[in-house]
Amino acid sequence: MSTHAKRERLLLADLLENAGPDAPTLCEGWTTRDLAAHLVVRERRADAAGGLVIKPLAQRLTRVQAEFAAKPYEELVQLFRTGPPRMSPFAMKQVDEAANTVEFYVHAEDVRRARPDWTPREIDPVFADALWSRIERVARVFGRKSPVGLVLRRPDGRTAVAHRGVPVVTGTGEPGELALFLYGRQKAARVELDGDKEAVAAVREATLGI
């Protein structure tokens, strides 16, 4: 049976292919070519991908990513579509699901929502629950830079605390929208924020995510 991560990989690969190499994305300063290079380096060049979280490796990551971005765009997309090398940790189903399900969903929306004519994607209940499960696990890590308390809430009332503090802002939305919000796409996410006016404004401008 196809996993969520595998399905999202194929969907994202199709979006990248159809958009072409020069389309905008929600990732500031990145075109679809830059995004494709990021995705390939992330799972094929562990020696450089560490720069995503380890500052001393950031320059190496920038250099390696630029090298991949210089490849033919069709090759980049195909490298991503076919998945990581067999010896990569991402080749393990459990790691793939944990690390890539939300990652690929968010990047797919980075491509979709950068277009002026985008429309909301319909998400089935099973996938929505999978996204929510991941949100519950990473909420405090991704929300740690919130300047105020932040609670994420599904329409059915289930909540996840992203940051403890006062005043508290509550963001209500479907799991897919909450995932985008938590991953730093606040302006593109359809999430209703409740709380003090200044606190709400601070959350909208905060640097959420890793």
C-alpha atoms as a PDB file:
ATOM      1  CA  MET A   1       0.000   0.000   0.000  1.00  0.00           C
ATOM      2  CA  SER A   2       1.274   3.444  -0.870  1.00  0.00           C
ATOM      3  CA  THR A   3       2.272   5.537   2.113  1.00  0.00           C
ATOM      4  CA  HIS A   4       1.257   9.142   2.639  1.00  0.00           C
ATOM      5  CA  ALA A   5       4.835  10.291   2.062  1.00  0.00           C
ATOM      6  CA  LYS A   6       5.127   8.372  -1.205  1.00  0.00           C
ATOM      7  CA  ARG A   7       1.857   9.829  -2.478  1.00  0.00           C
ATOM      8  CA  GLU A   8       2.899  13.354  -1.510  1.00  0.00           C
ATOM      9  CA  ARG A   9       6.273  12.854  -3.213  1.00  0.00           C
ATOM     10  CA  LEU A  10       4.628  11.950  -6.520  1.00  0.00           C
ATOM     11  CA  LEU A  11       2.135  14.799  -6.247  1.00  0.00           C
ATOM     12  CA  LEU A  12       4.926  17.294  -5.515  1.00  0.00           C
ATOM     13  CA  ALA A  13       7.061  15.939  -8.364  1.00  0.00           C
ATOM     14  CA  ASP A  14       4.140  16.451 -10.757  1.00  0.00           C
ATOM     15  CA  LEU A  15       3.621  19.997  -9.498  1.00  0.00           C
ATOM     16  CA  LEU A  16       7.293  20.834  -9.968  1.00  0.00           C
ATOM     17  CA  GLU A  17       7.320  19.303 -13.435  1.00  0.00           C
ATOM     18  CA  ASN A  18       4.195  21.136 -14.563  1.00  0.00           C
ATOM     19  CA  ALA A  19       5.274  24.470 -13.077  1.00  0.00           C
ATOM     20  CA  GLY A  20       8.661  24.499 -14.810  1.00  0.00           C
ATOM     21  CA  PRO A  21      11.992  25.677 -13.336  1.00  0.00           C
ATOM     22  CA  ASP A  22      11.274  29.391 -12.924  1.00  0.00           C
ATOM     23  CA  ALA A  23       7.921  29.449 -11.143  1.00  0.00           C
ATOM     24  CA  PRO A  24       7.648  31.244  -7.804  1.00  0.00           C
ATOM     25  CA  THR A  25       7.154  29.433  -4.502  1.00  0.00           C
ATOM     26  CA  LEU A  26       6.201  30.479  -0.989  1.00  0.00           C
ATOM     27  CA  CYS A  27       9.806  29.848   0.067  1.00  0.00           C
ATOM     28  CA  GLU A  28      11.204  33.381   0.061  1.00  0.00           C
ATOM     29  CA  GLY A  29      13.713  33.879  -2.743  1.00  0.00           C
ATOM     30  CA  TRP A  30      13.272  30.366  -4.136  1.00  0.00           C
ATOM     31  CA  THR A  31      11.969  29.368  -7.534  1.00  0.00           C
ATOM     32  CA  THR A  32      10.778  25.843  -8.253  1.00  0.00           C
ATOM     33  CA  ARG A  33      14.328  25.011  -9.393  1.00  0.00           C
ATOM     34  CA  ASP A  34      15.702  26.042  -6.002  1.00  0.00           C
ATOM     35  CA  LEU A  35      13.034  24.026  -4.219  1.00  0.00           C
ATOM     36  CA  ALA A  36      13.754  20.938  -6.326  1.00  0.00           C
ATOM     37  CA  ALA A  37      17.470  21.250  -5.563  1.00  0.00           C
ATOM     38  CA  HIS A  38      16.708  21.540  -1.844  1.00  0.00           C
ATOM     39  CA  LEU A  39      14.575  18.401  -1.909  1.00  0.00           C
ATOM     40  CA  VAL A  40      17.223  16.359  -3.699  1.00  0.00           C
ATOM     41  CA  VAL A  41      20.117  17.533  -1.526  1.00  0.00           C
ATOM     42  CA  ARG A  42      18.103  16.938   1.647  1.00  0.00           C
ATOM     43  CA  GLU A  43      17.841  13.200   1.052  1.00  0.00           C
ATOM     44  CA  ARG A  44      20.857  12.483  -1.146  1.00  0.00           C
ATOM     45  CA  ARG A  45      23.636  14.567   0.418  1.00  0.00           C
ATOM     46  CA  ALA A  46      23.604  14.063   4.178  1.00  0.00           C
ATOM     47  CA  ASP A  47      27.071  15.648   4.363  1.00  0.00           C
ATOM     48  CA  ALA A  48      25.545  18.951   3.247  1.00  0.00           C
ATOM     49  CA  ALA A  49      21.924  18.683   4.396  1.00  0.00           C
ATOM     50  CA  GLY A  50      23.028  19.098   8.002  1.00  0.00           C
ATOM     51  CA  GLY A  51      23.411  22.765   7.177  1.00  0.00           C
ATOM     52  CA  LEU A  52      19.635  23.066   7.473  1.00  0.00           C
ATOM     53  CA  VAL A  53      20.010  22.952  11.255  1.00  0.00           C
ATOM     54  CA  ILE A  54      23.769  23.225  11.948  1.00  0.00           C
ATOM     55  CA  LYS A  55      25.061  26.729  11.228  1.00  0.00           C
ATOM     56  CA  PRO A  56      28.733  25.775  10.604  1.00  0.00           C
ATOM     57  CA  LEU A  57      27.531  23.580   7.720  1.00  0.00           C
ATOM     58  CA  ALA A  58      25.320  26.247   6.178  1.00  0.00           C
ATOM     59  CA  GLN A  59      27.936  27.425   3.662  1.00  0.00           C
ATOM     60  CA  ARG A  60      28.545  23.878   2.486  1.00  0.00           C
ATOM     61  CA  LEU A  61      24.813  23.361   2.069  1.00  0.00           C
ATOM     62  CA  THR A  62      24.522  26.556   0.020  1.00  0.00           C
ATOM     63  CA  ARG A  63      27.380  25.477  -2.254  1.00  0.00           C
ATOM     64  CA  VAL A  64      26.119  21.926  -2.789  1.00  0.00           C
ATOM     65  CA  GLN A  65      22.555  23.086  -3.351  1.00  0.00           C
ATOM     66  CA  ALA A  66      23.761  25.560  -5.979  1.00  0.00           C
ATOM     67  CA  GLU A  67      25.610  22.728  -7.731  1.00  0.00           C
ATOM     68  CA  PHE A  68      22.438  20.665  -7.895  1.00  0.00           C
ATOM     69  CA  ALA A  69      20.356  23.654  -8.990  1.00  0.00           C
ATOM     70  CA  ALA A  70      22.693  23.987 -11.994  1.00  0.00           C
ATOM     71  CA  LYS A  71      21.664  20.524 -13.237  1.00  0.00           C
ATOM     72  CA  PRO A  72      19.013  20.192 -15.947  1.00  0.00           C
ATOM     73  CA  TYR A  73      15.655  20.798 -14.295  1.00  0.00           C
ATOM     74  CA  GLU A  74      14.123  17.601 -15.670  1.00  0.00           C
ATOM     75  CA  GLU A  75      16.958  15.623 -14.066  1.00  0.00           C
ATOM     76  CA  LEU A  76      16.391  17.299 -10.713  1.00  0.00           C
ATOM     77  CA  VAL A  77      12.685  16.521 -10.729  1.00  0.00           C
ATOM     78  CA  GLN A  78      13.349  12.915 -11.724  1.00  0.00           C
ATOM     79  CA  LEU A  79      15.925  12.498  -8.949  1.00  0.00           C
ATOM     80  CA  PHE A  80      13.315  13.659  -6.469  1.00  0.00           C
ATOM     81  CA  ARG A  81      10.526  11.575  -7.984  1.00  0.00           C
ATOM     82  CA  THR A  82      12.544   8.331  -7.824  1.00  0.00           C
ATOM     83  CA  GLY A  83      13.364   8.848  -4.161  1.00  0.00           C
ATOM     84  CA  PRO A  84      16.506   8.550  -2.042  1.00  0.00           C
ATOM     85  CA  PRO A  85      19.341   6.054  -2.557  1.00  0.00           C
ATOM     86  CA  ARG A  86      18.829   2.630  -1.009  1.00  0.00           C
ATOM     87  CA  MET A  87      21.331   3.311   1.794  1.00  0.00           C
ATOM     88  CA  SER A  88      19.732   6.603   2.782  1.00  0.00           C
ATOM     89  CA  PRO A  89      17.749   6.652   6.061  1.00  0.00           C
ATOM     90  CA  PHE A  90      14.922   8.210   4.063  1.00  0.00           C
ATOM     91  CA  ALA A  91      14.646   4.947   2.119  1.00  0.00           C
ATOM     92  CA  MET A  92      13.180   3.311   5.245  1.00  0.00           C
ATOM     93  CA  LYS A  93       9.379   3.465   5.218  1.00  0.00           C
ATOM     94  CA  GLN A  94       9.115   4.519   8.863  1.00  0.00           C
ATOM     95  CA  VAL A  95      11.632   7.347   8.437  1.00  0.00           C
ATOM     96  CA  ASP A  96      10.046   8.400   5.157  1.00  0.00           C
ATOM     97  CA  GLU A  97       6.616   8.676   6.744  1.00  0.00           C
ATOM     98  CA  ALA A  98       7.853  10.527   9.824  1.00  0.00           C
ATOM     99  CA  ALA A  99      10.169  12.959   8.042  1.00  0.00           C
ATOM    100  CA  ASN A 100       8.500  13.501   4.686  1.00  0.00           C
ATOM    101  CA  THR A 101       4.719  13.356   4.965  1.00  0.00           C
ATOM    102  CA  VAL A 102       4.270  16.920   6.188  1.00  0.00           C
ATOM    103  CA  GLU A 103       7.466  18.160   4.511  1.00  0.00           C
ATOM    104  CA  PHE A 104       6.232  17.184   1.053  1.00  0.00           C
ATOM    105  CA  TYR A 105       2.684  18.361   1.729  1.00  0.00           C
ATOM    106  CA  VAL A 106       3.933  21.805   2.766  1.00  0.00           C
ATOM    107  CA  HIS A 107       6.288  22.109  -0.203  1.00  0.00           C
ATOM    108  CA  ALA A 108       3.490  21.069  -2.564  1.00  0.00           C
ATOM    109  CA  GLU A 109       1.450  23.937  -1.169  1.00  0.00           C
ATOM    110  CA  ASP A 110       4.499  26.198  -1.559  1.00  0.00           C
ATOM    111  CA  VAL A 111       4.184  25.600  -5.286  1.00  0.00           C
ATOM    112  CA  ARG A 112       0.378  25.622  -5.479  1.00  0.00           C
ATOM    113  CA  ARG A 113      -0.265  28.700  -3.356  1.00  0.00           C
ATOM    114  CA  ALA A 114       2.365  30.846  -5.035  1.00  0.00           C
ATOM    115  CA  ARG A 115      -0.002  30.977  -8.024  1.00  0.00           C
ATOM    116  CA  PRO A 116      -2.648  33.723  -8.023  1.00  0.00           C
ATOM    117  CA  ASP A 117      -5.412  31.310  -9.058  1.00  0.00           C
ATOM    118  CA  TRP A 118      -4.833  28.580  -6.449  1.00  0.00           C
ATOM    119  CA  THR A 119      -7.768  26.837  -4.814  1.00  0.00           C
ATOM    120  CA  PRO A 120      -7.864  24.830  -1.568  1.00  0.00           C
ATOM    121  CA  ARG A 121      -6.949  21.185  -1.856  1.00  0.00           C
ATOM    122  CA  GLU A 122      -9.468  18.664  -0.573  1.00  0.00           C
ATOM    123  CA  ILE A 123      -7.859  16.423   2.035  1.00  0.00           C
ATOM    124  CA  ASP A 124      -9.412  13.108   3.012  1.00  0.00           C
ATOM    125  CA  PRO A 125     -10.011  12.407   6.741  1.00  0.00           C
ATOM    126  CA  VAL A 126      -7.295   9.741   6.968  1.00  0.00           C
ATOM    127  CA  PHE A 127      -4.611  12.058   5.620  1.00  0.00           C
ATOM    128  CA  ALA A 128      -5.919  14.908   7.782  1.00  0.00           C
ATOM    129  CA  ASP A 129      -5.445  12.707  10.849  1.00  0.00           C
ATOM    130  CA  ALA A 130      -1.938  11.792   9.688  1.00  0.00           C
ATOM    131  CA  LEU A 131      -1.046  15.472   9.397  1.00  0.00           C
ATOM    132  CA  TRP A 132      -2.553  16.199  12.809  1.00  0.00           C
ATOM    133  CA  SER A 133      -0.616  13.353  14.407  1.00  0.00           C
ATOM    134  CA  ARG A 134       2.609  14.871  13.112  1.00  0.00           C
ATOM    135  CA  ILE A 135       1.585  18.348  14.265  1.00  0.00           C
ATOM    136  CA  GLU A 136       1.050  17.027  17.785  1.00  0.00           C
ATOM    137  CA  ARG A 137       4.581  15.608  17.811  1.00  0.00           C
ATOM    138  CA  VAL A 138       6.448  18.655  16.514  1.00  0.00           C
ATOM    139  CA  ALA A 139       4.247  21.545  17.673  1.00  0.00           C
ATOM    140  CA  ARG A 140       6.526  22.683  20.498  1.00  0.00           C
ATOM    141  CA  VAL A 141       9.668  22.432  18.386  1.00  0.00           C
ATOM    142  CA  PHE A 142       8.238  24.360  15.459  1.00  0.00           C
ATOM    143  CA  GLY A 143       6.411  26.845  17.665  1.00  0.00           C
ATOM    144  CA  ARG A 144       9.270  27.590  20.052  1.00  0.00           C
ATOM    145  CA  LYS A 145       9.994  30.993  18.479  1.00  0.00           C
ATOM    146  CA  SER A 146       6.451  32.258  18.923  1.00  0.00           C
ATOM    147  CA  PRO A 147       6.592  35.538  20.868  1.00  0.00           C
ATOM    148  CA  VAL A 148       3.388  34.641  22.737  1.00  0.00           C
ATOM    149  CA  GLY A 149       1.536  31.533  23.845  1.00  0.00           C
ATOM    150  CA  LEU A 150       0.239  29.581  20.850  1.00  0.00           C
ATOM    151  CA  VAL A 151      -2.386  26.839  20.763  1.00  0.00           C
ATOM    152  CA  LEU A 152      -3.432  25.058  17.576  1.00  0.00           C
ATOM    153  CA  ARG A 153      -6.990  23.777  17.411  1.00  0.00           C
ATOM    154  CA  ARG A 154      -8.913  21.629  14.961  1.00  0.00           C
ATOM    155  CA  PRO A 155     -12.560  22.477  14.260  1.00  0.00           C
ATOM    156  CA  ASP A 156     -13.574  19.423  16.331  1.00  0.00           C
ATOM    157  CA  GLY A 157     -11.882  20.916  19.403  1.00  0.00           C
ATOM    158  CA  ARG A 158      -8.689  18.848  19.568  1.00  0.00           C
ATOM    159  CA  THR A 159      -5.721  21.022  20.484  1.00  0.00           C
ATOM    160  CA  ALA A 160      -1.930  21.027  20.487  1.00  0.00           C
ATOM    161  CA  VAL A 161       0.183  23.489  22.464  1.00  0.00           C
ATOM    162  CA  ALA A 162       2.868  24.995  20.228  1.00  0.00           C
ATOM    163  CA  HIS A 163       4.255  27.463  22.765  1.00  0.00           C
ATOM    164  CA  ARG A 164       3.552  28.178  26.411  1.00  0.00           C
ATOM    165  CA  GLY A 165       3.260  31.796  27.434  1.00  0.00           C
ATOM    166  CA  VAL A 166       0.947  34.743  27.870  1.00  0.00           C
ATOM    167  CA  PRO A 167      -1.004  36.211  26.265  1.00  0.00           C
ATOM    168  CA  VAL A 168      -2.298  33.195  24.389  1.00  0.00           C
ATOM    169  CA  VAL A 169      -3.301  33.107  20.731  1.00  0.00           C
ATOM    170  CA  THR A 170      -5.424  30.213  19.478  1.00  0.00           C
ATOM    171  CA  GLY A 171      -5.204  29.253  15.818  1.00  0.00           C
ATOM    172  CA  THR A 172      -8.156  27.253  14.503  1.00  0.00           C
ATOM    173  CA  GLY A 173      -8.125  25.442  11.190  1.00  0.00           C
ATOM    174  CA  GLU A 174      -8.064  22.120   9.400  1.00  0.00           C
ATOM    175  CA  PRO A 175      -4.901  20.035   9.926  1.00  0.00           C
ATOM    176  CA  GLY A 176      -3.490  20.887   6.502  1.00  0.00           C
ATOM    177  CA  GLU A 177      -3.855  24.594   7.191  1.00  0.00           C
ATOM    178  CA  LEU A 178      -2.412  24.256  10.692  1.00  0.00           C
ATOM    179  CA  ALA A 179       0.573  22.398   9.254  1.00  0.00           C
ATOM    180  CA  LEU A 180       1.278  25.270   6.884  1.00  0.00           C
ATOM    181  CA  PHE A 181       0.894  27.764   9.711  1.00  0.00           C
ATOM    182  CA  LEU A 182       3.255  25.859  12.017  1.00  0.00           C
ATOM    183  CA  TYR A 183       5.816  25.495   9.221  1.00  0.00           C
ATOM    184  CA  GLY A 184       6.039  29.273   8.857  1.00  0.00           C
ATOM    185  CA  ARG A 185       3.482  29.901   6.103  1.00  0.00           C
ATOM    186  CA  GLN A 186       1.154  31.932   8.328  1.00  0.00           C
ATOM    187  CA  LYS A 187       0.124  34.381   5.623  1.00  0.00           C
ATOM    188  CA  ALA A 188      -0.863  31.618   3.204  1.00  0.00           C
ATOM    189  CA  ALA A 189      -2.616  29.382   5.730  1.00  0.00           C
ATOM    190  CA  ARG A 190      -6.356  29.595   6.266  1.00  0.00           C
ATOM    191  CA  VAL A 191      -6.201  29.698  10.046  1.00  0.00           C
ATOM    192  CA  GLU A 192      -8.439  31.861  12.227  1.00  0.00           C
ATOM    193  CA  LEU A 193      -6.517  33.498  15.075  1.00  0.00           C
ATOM    194  CA  ASP A 194      -8.199  34.446  18.337  1.00  0.00           C
ATOM    195  CA  GLY A 195      -6.569  36.512  21.062  1.00  0.00           C
ATOM    196  CA  ASP A 196      -5.250  39.937  21.916  1.00  0.00           C
ATOM    197  CA  LYS A 197      -4.942  42.064  18.777  1.00  0.00           C
ATOM    198  CA  GLU A 198      -1.235  42.807  19.259  1.00  0.00           C
ATOM    199  CA  ALA A 199      -0.487  39.171  20.119  1.00  0.00           C
ATOM    200  CA  VAL A 200      -2.275  37.979  16.991  1.00  0.00           C
ATOM    201  CA  ALA A 201      -0.255  40.406  14.856  1.00  0.00           C
ATOM    202  CA  ALA A 202       2.970  39.202  16.509  1.00  0.00           C
ATOM    203  CA  VAL A 203       2.169  35.561  15.725  1.00  0.00           C
ATOM    204  CA  ARG A 204       1.411  36.371  12.096  1.00  0.00           C
ATOM    205  CA  GLU A 205       4.875  37.942  11.705  1.00  0.00           C
ATOM    206  CA  ALA A 206       6.786  35.407  13.845  1.00  0.00           C
ATOM    207  CA  THR A 207       9.386  33.052  12.412  1.00  0.00           C
ATOM    208  CA  LEU A 208       7.791  29.683  13.047  1.00  0.00           C
ATOM    209  CA  GLY A 209       9.219  26.338  11.963  1.00  0.00           C
ATOM    210  CA  ILE A 210      12.854  25.260  11.967  1.00  0.00           C
END
